[in-house]
Amino acid sequence: MKRENLIRYLFKNRCIFVREGARHTVFLNPLLKKTSTIPRHNEIDNFLARKICRDLGIEPPTKY
């Protein structure tokens, strides 16, 4: 899955951008107070995309 598509999906699910790290971007789900980091790779493995969504407490995307 493309990184930009995953980030767009997170914004649609009300997750907010927290900060940029050296190699990761941190997102927060304010409703559940859960955070997750997204690596700065062009392609993110589907397994990792599902794990990021699970960490944030949202449904994983059905279309990759």
Protein backbone atom coordinates (compact mmCIF):
# COMPACT_ATOMS: atom_id res chain seq x y z
CA MET A 1 0.00 0.00 0.00
CA LYS A 2 1.28 3.48 -0.78
CA ARG A 3 2.17 5.56 2.28
CA GLU A 4 0.12 8.53 1.10
CA ASN A 5 -2.97 6.32 0.69
CA LEU A 6 -2.59 5.01 4.23
CA ILE A 7 -2.22 8.53 5.62
CA ARG A 8 -5.30 9.66 3.68
CA TYR A 9 -7.21 6.68 5.13
CA LEU A 10 -6.12 7.61 8.67
CA PHE A 11 -7.32 11.20 8.22
CA LYS A 12 -10.71 9.93 6.95
CA ASN A 13 -11.00 7.89 10.15
CA ARG A 14 -10.45 10.96 12.36
CA CYS A 15 -6.84 10.25 13.28
CA ILE A 16 -4.67 13.31 13.67
CA PHE A 17 -1.05 14.03 12.89
CA VAL A 18 1.04 14.49 16.05
CA ARG A 19 4.65 14.93 14.97
CA GLU A 20 7.40 13.99 12.57
CA GLY A 21 10.26 11.94 13.92
CA ALA A 22 13.61 11.25 12.28
CA ARG A 23 12.28 8.24 10.37
CA HIS A 24 8.61 7.99 11.36
CA THR A 25 5.39 9.99 11.46
CA VAL A 26 3.25 9.70 14.59
CA PHE A 27 -0.55 9.64 14.42
CA LEU A 28 -3.11 9.73 17.25
CA ASN A 29 -6.69 8.53 17.48
CA PRO A 30 -8.10 11.19 19.85
CA LEU A 31 -11.28 9.21 20.59
CA LEU A 32 -9.38 6.21 21.96
CA LYS A 33 -6.15 8.00 22.95
CA LYS A 34 -4.07 5.51 20.94
CA THR A 35 -0.97 6.30 18.89
CA SER A 36 0.98 4.58 16.16
CA THR A 37 4.01 5.35 14.03
CA ILE A 38 4.21 5.17 10.26
CA PRO A 39 7.62 4.64 8.65
CA ARG A 40 8.71 6.93 5.84
CA HIS A 41 8.81 4.36 3.05
CA ASN A 42 7.03 4.82 -0.27
CA GLU A 43 5.46 1.38 0.06
CA ILE A 44 4.13 0.02 3.34
CA ASP A 45 3.55 -3.72 3.62
CA ASN A 46 -0.13 -4.69 3.91
CA PHE A 47 0.56 -6.54 7.16
CA LEU A 48 2.11 -3.38 8.65
CA ALA A 49 -0.80 -1.24 7.41
CA ARG A 50 -3.25 -3.56 9.20
CA LYS A 51 -1.13 -3.42 12.37
CA ILE A 52 -1.06 0.40 12.31
CA CYS A 53 -4.85 0.49 11.99
CA ARG A 54 -5.21 -2.06 14.80
CA ASP A 55 -2.90 0.02 17.01
CA LEU A 56 -5.08 3.08 16.37
CA GLY A 57 -8.31 1.15 17.00
CA ILE A 58 -9.78 1.57 13.51
CA GLU A 59 -10.84 -0.94 10.86
CA PRO A 60 -8.08 -1.81 8.40
CA PRO A 61 -8.66 -0.71 4.80
CA THR A 62 -10.35 -3.33 2.66
CA LYS A 63 -8.73 -2.16 -0.57
CA TYR A 64 -4.94 -2.06 -0.91
